[in-house]
N, C-alpha and C. Protein backbone atom coordinates (compact mmCIF):
# COMPACT_ATOMS: atom_id res chain seq x y z
N MET A 1 -153.63 -63.66 111.02
CA MET A 1 -153.05 -62.68 110.37
C MET A 1 -154.23 -61.84 110.50
N ARG A 2 -153.92 -60.41 110.53
CA ARG A 2 -155.16 -59.52 110.12
C ARG A 2 -154.35 -58.34 109.30
N PRO A 3 -155.52 -57.74 108.57
CA PRO A 3 -155.02 -56.63 107.58
C PRO A 3 -154.64 -55.76 108.24
N SER A 4 -153.79 -55.34 107.28
CA SER A 4 -152.69 -54.40 107.91
C SER A 4 -152.85 -52.65 107.48
N ARG A 5 -153.23 -52.66 106.30
CA ARG A 5 -153.51 -51.28 105.56
C ARG A 5 -154.64 -51.14 104.54
N PRO A 6 -155.13 -50.06 104.35
CA PRO A 6 -156.38 -49.73 103.62
C PRO A 6 -156.45 -50.57 102.90
N PHE A 7 -157.95 -50.87 102.29
CA PHE A 7 -158.66 -51.55 101.31
C PHE A 7 -160.08 -51.25 101.31
N LEU A 8 -160.14 -51.55 99.77
CA LEU A 8 -162.13 -51.25 99.26
C LEU A 8 -162.23 -52.56 99.26
N PHE A 9 -163.73 -52.50 99.87
CA PHE A 9 -164.50 -54.08 99.64
C PHE A 9 -165.83 -53.93 99.34
N ILE A 10 -166.11 -54.55 98.42
CA ILE A 10 -167.99 -54.42 97.99
C ILE A 10 -168.72 -55.82 98.01
N ARG A 11 -169.75 -55.80 98.50
CA ARG A 11 -170.31 -56.82 98.36
C ARG A 11 -171.29 -56.86 96.92
N HIS A 12 -171.33 -58.21 96.58
CA HIS A 12 -171.78 -58.22 95.09
C HIS A 12 -173.23 -57.61 95.44
N GLY A 13 -173.72 -57.47 93.69
CA GLY A 13 -174.72 -57.15 93.47
C GLY A 13 -176.27 -58.23 93.92
N GLN A 14 -177.39 -57.89 94.07
CA GLN A 14 -178.66 -58.45 94.61
C GLN A 14 -178.95 -59.83 93.70
N THR A 15 -179.27 -60.75 94.05
CA THR A 15 -179.72 -61.76 93.46
C THR A 15 -181.28 -61.94 94.22
N ASP A 16 -181.97 -63.18 93.25
CA ASP A 16 -183.22 -63.44 93.63
C ASP A 16 -183.06 -63.70 94.89
N TRP A 17 -182.10 -64.81 95.45
CA TRP A 17 -182.25 -65.66 97.01
C TRP A 17 -182.02 -63.90 97.94
N ASN A 18 -181.38 -62.88 97.54
CA ASN A 18 -181.39 -62.01 98.16
C ASN A 18 -182.91 -61.31 98.40
N VAL A 19 -183.56 -61.20 97.47
CA VAL A 19 -184.84 -60.57 97.59
C VAL A 19 -185.61 -61.60 98.50
N GLU A 20 -186.01 -62.92 98.10
CA GLU A 20 -186.64 -63.56 98.62
C GLU A 20 -186.04 -64.03 100.83
N GLY A 21 -184.87 -63.68 100.80
CA GLY A 21 -184.27 -63.68 102.11
C GLY A 21 -183.65 -65.07 102.46
N ARG A 22 -183.37 -65.97 101.25
CA ARG A 22 -182.68 -67.06 101.13
C ARG A 22 -181.54 -66.98 101.45
N MET A 23 -180.73 -67.98 102.48
CA MET A 23 -179.41 -67.99 102.73
C MET A 23 -179.04 -68.89 101.53
N GLN A 24 -177.59 -68.31 101.10
CA GLN A 24 -177.41 -68.32 99.74
C GLN A 24 -175.85 -69.41 100.14
N GLY A 25 -175.22 -68.93 100.62
CA GLY A 25 -173.86 -69.45 101.35
C GLY A 25 -172.88 -69.89 100.22
N HIS A 26 -172.66 -71.12 99.84
CA HIS A 26 -172.03 -71.76 98.64
C HIS A 26 -172.92 -72.20 97.44
N THR A 27 -174.35 -71.55 97.67
CA THR A 27 -174.91 -71.88 96.47
C THR A 27 -174.64 -70.87 95.31
N ASP A 28 -174.61 -71.25 94.37
CA ASP A 28 -173.75 -70.41 93.41
C ASP A 28 -175.18 -69.65 92.14
N ILE A 29 -175.78 -68.65 93.00
CA ILE A 29 -177.03 -67.99 92.62
C ILE A 29 -176.27 -66.64 91.81
N PRO A 30 -176.88 -66.99 90.46
CA PRO A 30 -176.52 -65.76 89.82
C PRO A 30 -176.94 -64.27 90.29
N LEU A 31 -176.37 -63.03 89.49
CA LEU A 31 -177.02 -61.59 89.64
C LEU A 31 -178.32 -61.73 89.07
N ASN A 32 -179.62 -60.88 89.40
CA ASN A 32 -180.75 -60.61 89.16
C ASN A 32 -180.22 -59.36 88.05
N THR A 33 -181.46 -59.18 87.41
CA THR A 33 -181.13 -57.64 86.38
C THR A 33 -180.90 -56.52 87.10
N THR A 34 -181.48 -56.65 88.68
CA THR A 34 -181.28 -55.13 89.49
C THR A 34 -179.77 -55.15 90.02
N GLY A 35 -179.14 -56.72 90.33
CA GLY A 35 -178.12 -57.04 90.64
C GLY A 35 -176.88 -56.47 89.67
N ILE A 36 -177.56 -56.72 88.62
CA ILE A 36 -176.16 -56.28 87.25
C ILE A 36 -176.32 -54.77 86.96
N ALA A 37 -177.66 -54.25 87.46
CA ALA A 37 -177.52 -52.27 87.42
C ALA A 37 -176.92 -51.81 88.43
N GLN A 38 -176.77 -52.66 89.63
CA GLN A 38 -176.49 -52.16 90.74
C GLN A 38 -174.60 -52.66 90.84
N ALA A 39 -174.30 -53.58 90.20
CA ALA A 39 -172.91 -53.33 89.60
C ALA A 39 -172.18 -52.36 89.11
N HIS A 40 -172.97 -52.15 87.91
CA HIS A 40 -172.68 -51.02 86.68
C HIS A 40 -172.42 -49.37 87.40
N SER A 41 -173.63 -49.63 88.49
CA SER A 41 -173.90 -48.29 89.17
C SER A 41 -172.79 -48.34 90.30
N ALA A 42 -171.97 -49.17 90.91
CA ALA A 42 -171.09 -49.48 91.86
C ALA A 42 -169.56 -48.97 91.23
N ALA A 43 -169.52 -49.72 89.47
CA ALA A 43 -168.70 -49.28 88.77
C ALA A 43 -168.14 -47.95 88.40
N GLN A 44 -169.40 -46.86 88.18
CA GLN A 44 -169.53 -45.42 88.21
C GLN A 44 -169.02 -45.21 89.91
N ARG A 45 -169.37 -45.12 90.59
CA ARG A 45 -169.07 -44.71 92.14
C ARG A 45 -167.61 -45.05 92.47
N LEU A 46 -167.14 -45.86 91.77
CA LEU A 46 -165.59 -46.34 91.86
C LEU A 46 -164.61 -45.58 91.21
N GLN A 47 -165.47 -44.68 90.25
CA GLN A 47 -164.43 -44.30 89.04
C GLN A 47 -163.26 -43.06 89.84
N ASN A 48 -164.08 -42.51 91.09
CA ASN A 48 -162.70 -41.58 91.78
C ASN A 48 -161.88 -42.09 92.81
N LEU A 49 -162.39 -43.74 92.97
CA LEU A 49 -161.44 -44.23 93.73
C LEU A 49 -160.16 -44.79 93.10
N THR A 50 -159.00 -44.73 94.37
CA THR A 50 -158.06 -45.70 93.05
C THR A 50 -157.68 -46.80 93.73
N PHE A 51 -157.51 -48.00 92.67
CA PHE A 51 -157.42 -49.50 92.80
C PHE A 51 -156.43 -49.57 91.68
N THR A 52 -155.73 -50.81 92.14
CA THR A 52 -155.02 -51.42 91.00
C THR A 52 -155.40 -52.71 90.73
N ARG A 53 -155.68 -53.36 91.22
CA ARG A 53 -155.87 -54.79 91.21
C ARG A 53 -157.50 -55.10 92.00
N ILE A 54 -158.18 -55.95 91.22
CA ILE A 54 -159.41 -56.64 91.67
C ILE A 54 -159.12 -58.39 92.19
N ILE A 55 -159.92 -58.44 93.60
CA ILE A 55 -159.78 -59.81 93.90
C ILE A 55 -161.39 -60.41 94.15
N ALA A 56 -161.69 -61.34 93.61
CA ALA A 56 -163.39 -61.57 93.91
C ALA A 56 -163.24 -63.26 94.39
N SER A 57 -164.50 -63.05 94.96
CA SER A 57 -164.97 -64.74 95.22
C SER A 57 -165.42 -65.10 93.81
N PRO A 58 -165.02 -66.44 93.89
CA PRO A 58 -165.46 -67.22 92.16
C PRO A 58 -166.83 -67.46 92.46
N LEU A 59 -167.88 -67.53 93.48
CA LEU A 59 -169.18 -67.60 93.18
C LEU A 59 -169.65 -66.54 92.08
N ALA A 60 -170.84 -66.81 91.25
CA ALA A 60 -171.09 -66.52 90.44
C ALA A 60 -171.46 -65.02 90.72
N ARG A 61 -172.48 -64.96 91.74
CA ARG A 61 -172.69 -63.06 91.75
C ARG A 61 -171.53 -62.34 92.07
N ALA A 62 -170.63 -62.92 92.78
CA ALA A 62 -169.75 -61.89 93.19
C ALA A 62 -168.62 -61.59 91.97
N ARG A 63 -168.23 -63.19 91.32
CA ARG A 63 -167.59 -62.71 90.14
C ARG A 63 -168.17 -62.06 88.88
N HIS A 64 -169.47 -61.95 88.78
CA HIS A 64 -170.38 -60.99 87.72
C HIS A 64 -170.44 -59.43 87.97
N THR A 65 -170.29 -59.00 89.33
CA THR A 65 -170.15 -57.89 90.23
C THR A 65 -168.60 -57.53 89.44
N ALA A 66 -167.34 -58.28 90.11
CA ALA A 66 -166.34 -58.17 89.82
C ALA A 66 -166.12 -57.50 88.65
N GLU A 67 -166.39 -58.50 87.28
CA GLU A 67 -166.18 -58.14 86.04
C GLU A 67 -166.73 -56.98 85.07
N ILE A 68 -167.79 -56.83 85.54
CA ILE A 68 -168.60 -55.63 85.43
C ILE A 68 -167.42 -54.30 86.24
N ILE A 69 -167.13 -54.58 87.08
CA ILE A 69 -166.58 -52.80 88.03
C ILE A 69 -164.93 -53.17 86.83
N ALA A 70 -164.16 -54.56 86.89
CA ALA A 70 -163.57 -54.53 86.20
C ALA A 70 -162.91 -54.04 84.91
N ALA A 71 -164.34 -54.26 83.54
CA ALA A 71 -164.45 -53.48 82.48
C ALA A 71 -164.48 -52.41 82.47
N SER A 72 -164.98 -51.58 83.48
CA SER A 72 -164.94 -49.97 83.44
C SER A 72 -163.51 -49.56 83.67
N ARG A 73 -162.70 -50.18 84.31
CA ARG A 73 -161.20 -49.81 84.35
C ARG A 73 -160.02 -50.83 83.81
N ASN A 74 -160.59 -51.70 82.46
CA ASN A 74 -159.89 -52.48 81.99
C ASN A 74 -158.62 -53.07 82.80
N LEU A 75 -158.84 -53.80 83.73
CA LEU A 75 -158.43 -54.57 85.13
C LEU A 75 -159.04 -56.08 85.03
N PRO A 76 -158.19 -56.95 84.91
CA PRO A 76 -158.42 -58.27 85.23
C PRO A 76 -158.59 -58.73 86.43
N VAL A 77 -159.47 -59.57 86.74
CA VAL A 77 -160.00 -59.80 88.19
C VAL A 77 -159.15 -61.49 88.21
N GLU A 78 -158.75 -61.50 89.47
CA GLU A 78 -157.92 -62.57 90.04
C GLU A 78 -159.06 -62.96 91.53
N PHE A 79 -159.13 -64.49 91.28
CA PHE A 79 -159.93 -65.72 92.18
C PHE A 79 -159.59 -66.14 93.15
N ASP A 80 -160.48 -66.15 94.34
CA ASP A 80 -160.02 -66.29 95.25
C ASP A 80 -160.94 -67.39 96.06
N ASP A 81 -160.87 -68.92 96.47
CA ASP A 81 -161.44 -69.48 97.07
C ASP A 81 -162.09 -68.99 98.45
N LEU A 82 -161.04 -68.07 99.16
CA LEU A 82 -160.91 -67.70 100.35
C LEU A 82 -162.14 -66.62 100.82
N LEU A 83 -162.13 -66.24 99.57
CA LEU A 83 -163.30 -64.73 99.60
C LEU A 83 -164.81 -65.31 99.57
N LYS A 84 -164.91 -66.55 99.36
CA LYS A 84 -166.36 -66.91 99.10
C LYS A 84 -167.10 -67.24 100.23
N GLU A 85 -168.40 -66.86 100.03
CA GLU A 85 -169.39 -66.77 101.20
C GLU A 85 -169.48 -67.79 102.39
N ARG A 86 -169.63 -67.48 103.72
CA ARG A 86 -169.98 -68.65 104.64
C ARG A 86 -170.64 -69.78 104.39
N THR A 87 -170.34 -71.03 104.46
CA THR A 87 -171.29 -72.08 104.15
C THR A 87 -171.78 -72.00 105.17
N PHE A 88 -173.69 -72.18 104.98
CA PHE A 88 -174.87 -72.06 105.65
C PHE A 88 -175.27 -73.70 106.26
N GLY A 89 -173.91 -74.58 105.73
CA GLY A 89 -174.71 -76.35 106.00
C GLY A 89 -176.03 -76.27 105.78
N SER A 90 -176.83 -77.11 106.04
CA SER A 90 -178.15 -77.79 105.92
C SER A 90 -179.15 -76.60 106.33
N TYR A 91 -178.89 -75.44 105.91
CA TYR A 91 -179.36 -74.21 106.39
C TYR A 91 -179.59 -73.16 104.88
N GLU A 92 -178.59 -73.40 103.88
CA GLU A 92 -178.96 -72.93 102.61
C GLU A 92 -180.27 -73.14 102.13
N GLY A 93 -180.11 -71.95 101.29
CA GLY A 93 -181.59 -72.23 100.39
C GLY A 93 -182.90 -72.14 101.64
N LYS A 94 -182.25 -72.20 102.57
CA LYS A 94 -183.72 -71.69 103.86
C LYS A 94 -183.73 -70.01 103.97
N LEU A 95 -185.23 -69.77 103.85
CA LEU A 95 -185.54 -68.33 104.17
C LEU A 95 -184.86 -68.35 105.83
N SER A 96 -184.18 -66.86 106.00
CA SER A 96 -183.90 -66.48 106.88
C SER A 96 -184.76 -66.24 108.01
N ALA A 97 -185.77 -65.94 107.45
CA ALA A 97 -186.89 -65.41 108.10
C ALA A 97 -187.63 -66.29 109.40
N GLU A 98 -187.68 -67.49 108.25
CA GLU A 98 -188.10 -69.11 109.04
C GLU A 98 -187.09 -69.24 109.94
N ILE A 99 -185.61 -69.23 109.84
CA ILE A 99 -184.68 -69.92 110.64
C ILE A 99 -184.65 -68.67 112.09
N ARG A 100 -185.04 -67.67 111.84
CA ARG A 100 -185.07 -66.48 112.93
C ARG A 100 -186.27 -67.06 113.68
N GLN A 101 -187.73 -67.08 112.81
CA GLN A 101 -188.71 -67.65 113.89
C GLN A 101 -188.69 -68.75 114.96
N LEU A 102 -188.32 -69.93 113.84
CA LEU A 102 -188.09 -71.12 114.80
C LEU A 102 -187.02 -70.97 115.70
N HIS A 103 -185.83 -70.26 115.89
CA HIS A 103 -184.96 -70.07 117.00
C HIS A 103 -185.57 -68.75 117.62
N ASN A 104 -186.70 -67.92 117.63
CA ASN A 104 -187.04 -66.46 118.37
C ASN A 104 -186.02 -65.70 118.21
N LEU A 105 -185.37 -65.19 117.10
CA LEU A 105 -184.68 -64.55 116.65
C LEU A 105 -185.02 -62.97 116.31
N SER A 106 -184.81 -61.58 116.84
CA SER A 106 -185.53 -61.15 115.63
C SER A 106 -184.73 -60.53 114.65
N ARG A 107 -185.12 -59.52 113.74
CA ARG A 107 -184.57 -58.96 112.39
C ARG A 107 -182.84 -58.99 112.90
N GLU A 108 -182.94 -57.90 113.85
CA GLU A 108 -181.82 -57.33 114.35
C GLU A 108 -180.56 -58.31 115.00
N GLU A 109 -181.29 -59.35 115.04
CA GLU A 109 -180.04 -60.59 115.93
C GLU A 109 -179.50 -61.34 114.27
N PRO A 110 -177.92 -61.39 115.28
CA PRO A 110 -177.26 -62.37 113.64
C PRO A 110 -177.79 -63.48 114.06
N LEU A 111 -177.85 -64.77 112.86
CA LEU A 111 -178.09 -66.00 113.20
C LEU A 111 -176.47 -66.71 113.57
N ASN A 112 -175.59 -65.73 113.62
CA ASN A 112 -174.22 -66.86 114.36
C ASN A 112 -174.24 -67.94 115.16
N SER A 113 -175.12 -67.84 116.08
CA SER A 113 -174.96 -68.74 116.99
C SER A 113 -176.20 -69.73 116.87
N ILE A 114 -176.82 -69.52 116.03
CA ILE A 114 -177.48 -70.74 115.68
C ILE A 114 -177.42 -71.75 114.34
N LEU A 115 -176.47 -71.55 113.87
CA LEU A 115 -176.34 -72.28 112.80
C LEU A 115 -176.11 -73.78 112.82
N PRO A 116 -176.15 -74.36 111.70
CA PRO A 116 -176.21 -76.23 112.78
C PRO A 116 -174.80 -76.65 112.46
N PRO A 117 -174.37 -77.59 112.70
CA PRO A 117 -172.98 -78.19 112.72
C PRO A 117 -171.96 -78.33 111.46
N ASP A 118 -172.78 -78.07 110.41
CA ASP A 118 -172.27 -78.55 109.12
C ASP A 118 -171.90 -77.12 108.82
N ALA A 119 -172.42 -76.05 109.25
CA ALA A 119 -172.16 -74.43 109.02
C ALA A 119 -170.90 -74.05 108.77
N GLU A 120 -170.04 -73.45 108.19
CA GLU A 120 -168.91 -72.54 108.99
C GLU A 120 -169.33 -71.75 110.08
N GLN A 121 -168.15 -72.24 111.49
CA GLN A 121 -168.94 -71.43 112.73
C GLN A 121 -167.95 -69.96 112.46
N TRP A 122 -169.10 -69.07 113.01
CA TRP A 122 -168.52 -67.69 113.37
C TRP A 122 -167.16 -67.10 113.20
N PRO A 123 -166.53 -68.12 114.47
CA PRO A 123 -164.94 -67.88 114.82
C PRO A 123 -164.10 -67.74 113.36
N ASP A 124 -164.65 -69.26 113.06
CA ASP A 124 -163.82 -69.38 111.88
C ASP A 124 -163.76 -68.56 110.54
N THR A 125 -164.84 -68.01 110.37
CA THR A 125 -165.37 -67.36 109.50
C THR A 125 -164.54 -65.75 109.55
N ILE A 126 -164.58 -65.52 110.60
CA ILE A 126 -164.06 -64.37 111.03
C ILE A 126 -162.35 -64.10 110.58
N THR A 127 -161.78 -65.60 111.34
CA THR A 127 -160.10 -66.02 110.83
C THR A 127 -160.12 -65.98 109.33
N ARG A 128 -160.87 -66.47 108.57
CA ARG A 128 -160.68 -66.75 106.78
C ARG A 128 -160.92 -65.51 106.56
N SER A 129 -161.74 -64.76 107.04
CA SER A 129 -161.87 -63.34 106.32
C SER A 129 -160.66 -62.47 106.38
N HIS A 130 -160.04 -62.34 107.64
CA HIS A 130 -158.65 -61.49 108.13
C HIS A 130 -157.44 -62.31 107.50
N ARG A 131 -157.78 -63.87 106.83
CA ARG A 131 -156.18 -63.99 106.48
C ARG A 131 -156.56 -63.97 104.87
N ALA A 132 -157.87 -63.86 104.70
CA ALA A 132 -157.77 -63.49 102.71
C ALA A 132 -157.59 -62.43 102.36
N ILE A 133 -157.86 -61.35 103.15
CA ILE A 133 -157.69 -60.08 103.04
C ILE A 133 -156.14 -60.01 103.20
N ALA A 134 -155.87 -60.29 104.42
CA ALA A 134 -154.18 -60.14 104.98
C ALA A 134 -153.33 -60.54 104.04
N LYS A 135 -153.57 -62.16 103.27
CA LYS A 135 -152.66 -62.38 102.23
C LYS A 135 -152.62 -61.70 100.78
N TRP A 136 -153.73 -61.18 100.32
CA TRP A 136 -153.42 -60.57 99.11
C TRP A 136 -153.04 -59.08 99.42
N LEU A 137 -153.37 -58.28 100.44
CA LEU A 137 -152.34 -57.28 100.99
C LEU A 137 -150.75 -57.47 100.77
N ASN A 138 -150.45 -58.26 101.49
CA ASN A 138 -149.02 -58.82 101.95
C ASN A 138 -148.17 -59.02 100.39
N THR A 139 -149.11 -60.00 99.85
CA THR A 139 -148.19 -60.19 98.56
C THR A 139 -148.42 -59.06 97.24
N TYR A 140 -149.55 -58.41 97.35
CA TYR A 140 -149.45 -57.06 96.50
C TYR A 140 -149.33 -55.55 97.73
N PRO A 141 -147.64 -55.68 98.36
CA PRO A 141 -147.78 -54.59 99.21
C PRO A 141 -147.83 -53.17 98.52
N GLU A 142 -147.91 -52.91 97.65
CA GLU A 142 -147.49 -51.65 96.60
C GLU A 142 -148.76 -51.11 95.84
N ASP A 143 -149.50 -52.42 95.75
CA ASP A 143 -151.00 -52.20 95.03
C ASP A 143 -152.20 -51.67 96.19
N SER A 144 -153.18 -50.91 95.52
CA SER A 144 -154.22 -50.79 96.03
C SER A 144 -155.51 -52.02 95.54
N LEU A 145 -156.05 -52.28 96.41
CA LEU A 145 -156.62 -53.27 96.01
C LEU A 145 -158.53 -53.21 96.37
N LEU A 146 -159.30 -53.96 95.63
CA LEU A 146 -160.72 -54.19 95.69
C LEU A 146 -160.99 -55.27 95.57
N PHE A 147 -161.79 -55.79 96.93
CA PHE A 147 -162.30 -57.14 97.21
C PHE A 147 -163.63 -57.56 96.82
N VAL A 148 -164.23 -58.31 96.15
CA VAL A 148 -165.47 -58.55 95.89
C VAL A 148 -166.00 -59.81 96.42
N GLY A 149 -167.11 -59.64 97.30
CA GLY A 149 -167.07 -60.72 98.05
C GLY A 149 -168.36 -60.75 98.56
N HIS A 150 -168.87 -61.22 99.75
CA HIS A 150 -169.97 -61.40 100.22
C HIS A 150 -170.41 -60.55 101.59
N GLY A 151 -171.63 -60.85 101.94
CA GLY A 151 -172.50 -60.34 102.71
C GLY A 151 -172.06 -60.77 104.32
N ALA A 152 -172.10 -61.94 104.68
CA ALA A 152 -171.04 -62.65 105.96
C ALA A 152 -169.92 -62.42 106.34
N PHE A 153 -169.54 -62.87 104.99
CA PHE A 153 -167.58 -62.74 104.69
C PHE A 153 -167.39 -60.89 104.89
N PHE A 154 -168.20 -59.98 104.60
CA PHE A 154 -168.15 -58.55 105.35
C PHE A 154 -168.21 -58.24 106.65
N ARG A 155 -169.34 -59.09 107.27
CA ARG A 155 -169.75 -59.08 108.17
C ARG A 155 -168.59 -59.70 109.57
N ALA A 156 -168.14 -60.78 109.02
CA ALA A 156 -167.15 -61.04 109.96
C ALA A 156 -165.61 -60.12 110.03
N LEU A 157 -165.36 -59.86 108.60
CA LEU A 157 -164.38 -59.11 108.60
C LEU A 157 -164.39 -57.60 109.29
N TYR A 158 -165.70 -57.03 109.26
CA TYR A 158 -165.64 -55.77 110.16
C TYR A 158 -165.87 -55.93 111.30
N GLU A 159 -166.34 -56.98 112.12
CA GLU A 159 -166.73 -57.63 113.69
C GLU A 159 -165.49 -57.63 113.72
N GLY A 160 -164.43 -58.58 113.08
CA GLY A 160 -163.39 -59.34 113.54
C GLY A 160 -162.52 -57.86 113.83
N LEU A 161 -162.32 -56.86 113.06
CA LEU A 161 -161.33 -55.58 113.23
C LEU A 161 -161.78 -54.99 113.98
N GLY A 162 -162.65 -54.69 115.22
CA GLY A 162 -163.38 -54.57 116.03
C GLY A 162 -164.78 -53.41 115.62
N GLY A 163 -165.06 -53.51 114.89
CA GLY A 163 -166.65 -53.05 114.46
C GLY A 163 -167.97 -53.16 114.63
N PRO A 164 -168.96 -52.98 114.54
CA PRO A 164 -170.09 -53.17 115.32
C PRO A 164 -170.93 -54.70 114.35
N TYR A 165 -172.03 -54.65 114.59
CA TYR A 165 -172.68 -55.76 113.39
C TYR A 165 -172.87 -54.78 112.47
N LEU A 166 -172.94 -54.88 111.46
CA LEU A 166 -173.17 -54.63 110.18
C LEU A 166 -173.34 -54.86 109.18
N GLU A 167 -174.75 -55.04 108.07
CA GLU A 167 -175.35 -55.47 107.07
C GLU A 167 -174.50 -54.67 105.86
N ALA A 168 -174.02 -55.22 105.16
CA ALA A 168 -173.20 -54.77 104.10
C ALA A 168 -174.57 -54.49 102.89
N ALA A 169 -174.54 -53.30 102.13
CA ALA A 169 -175.75 -53.19 101.20
C ALA A 169 -175.04 -53.80 99.97
N ASN A 170 -176.08 -54.55 99.21
CA ASN A 170 -175.29 -55.19 98.03
C ASN A 170 -175.05 -53.63 97.18
N ALA A 171 -173.67 -54.43 96.27
CA ALA A 171 -173.05 -53.42 95.33
C ALA A 171 -172.63 -52.06 96.13
N THR A 172 -172.15 -51.93 97.22
CA THR A 172 -171.88 -50.27 98.02
C THR A 172 -170.31 -51.05 98.28
N PRO A 173 -169.76 -50.05 97.66
CA PRO A 173 -168.26 -49.94 98.00
C PRO A 173 -168.04 -49.50 99.52
N TYR A 174 -167.10 -50.04 100.08
CA TYR A 174 -166.58 -49.52 101.67
C TYR A 174 -165.08 -49.78 101.61
N HIS A 175 -164.63 -48.73 102.30
CA HIS A 175 -163.40 -48.09 102.81
C HIS A 175 -162.68 -48.68 103.75
N PHE A 176 -161.97 -49.86 104.06
CA PHE A 176 -161.39 -49.96 105.45
C PHE A 176 -160.49 -49.38 105.58
N GLN A 177 -159.80 -48.46 106.59
CA GLN A 177 -159.08 -47.71 107.15
C GLN A 177 -158.32 -47.85 108.39
N PRO A 178 -157.12 -48.44 108.33
CA PRO A 178 -156.76 -48.57 109.74
C PRO A 178 -156.55 -46.96 110.69
N THR A 179 -156.52 -46.93 111.42
CA THR A 179 -156.48 -45.55 112.19
C THR A 179 -154.96 -45.71 113.36
N ALA A 180 -154.47 -44.54 113.75
CA ALA A 180 -153.43 -44.58 114.61
C ALA A 180 -153.56 -45.18 115.86
N SER A 181 -154.91 -45.31 116.51
CA SER A 181 -155.17 -46.28 117.61
C SER A 181 -155.57 -47.55 117.67
N GLY A 182 -155.49 -47.96 116.31
CA GLY A 182 -155.71 -49.56 116.06
C GLY A 182 -156.94 -49.96 115.77
N SER A 183 -157.96 -49.25 115.94
CA SER A 183 -159.33 -49.45 115.40
C SER A 183 -159.32 -48.84 113.66
N TRP A 184 -160.20 -49.32 113.16
CA TRP A 184 -160.73 -49.15 111.45
C TRP A 184 -161.82 -48.24 111.59
N ASP A 185 -161.66 -47.27 110.43
CA ASP A 185 -162.32 -46.31 109.93
C ASP A 185 -163.31 -47.16 108.76
N LEU A 186 -164.45 -46.74 108.45
CA LEU A 186 -165.07 -47.23 107.63
C LEU A 186 -165.72 -46.39 106.72
N THR A 187 -165.87 -46.54 105.43
CA THR A 187 -166.39 -44.93 104.70
C THR A 187 -166.94 -45.72 103.64
N THR A 188 -168.48 -45.43 103.22
CA THR A 188 -169.40 -46.13 102.71
C THR A 188 -169.38 -44.61 101.39
N TYR A 189 -169.50 -45.58 100.06
CA TYR A 189 -169.41 -44.60 98.78
C TYR A 189 -170.55 -44.87 97.72
């Protein structure tokens, strides 16, 4: 199951672990002061965009980001475990720079191929990201949806739709739009 129509996606605001370069995964790290400010700024940038429903990961950093945006629109937030970040298994909490050094990877190379067996594997993350977005788009075919999630989830979603490797900036809205040729356009706000 793949997404079939336009939608908005935003990665959560900054956390202390983002600043430190730690792999968060399912570890429930809250937004820091900068992340809260970023979420308020994102709510302002979203004012001119139409969406009628907000669906978020239940992890604190995404939940808080979604709640700030929802308050600016007087909308409720719905939560879905399928929108959670990818689990990094025994690498959660570790510095990504240390993991990259251990495996001789540059900053630009994705960690997808070197994660431990207890992590969610990349093809599974791609499948889950598509299933999560498509489920909500199909459930509410008349609504315009905003999803609030995580960085690796975003990369899996975008890569699975044919996009190149792309790091989602914290609290930056992205609009996914299918094209007539079957590819997807991505617009940043």
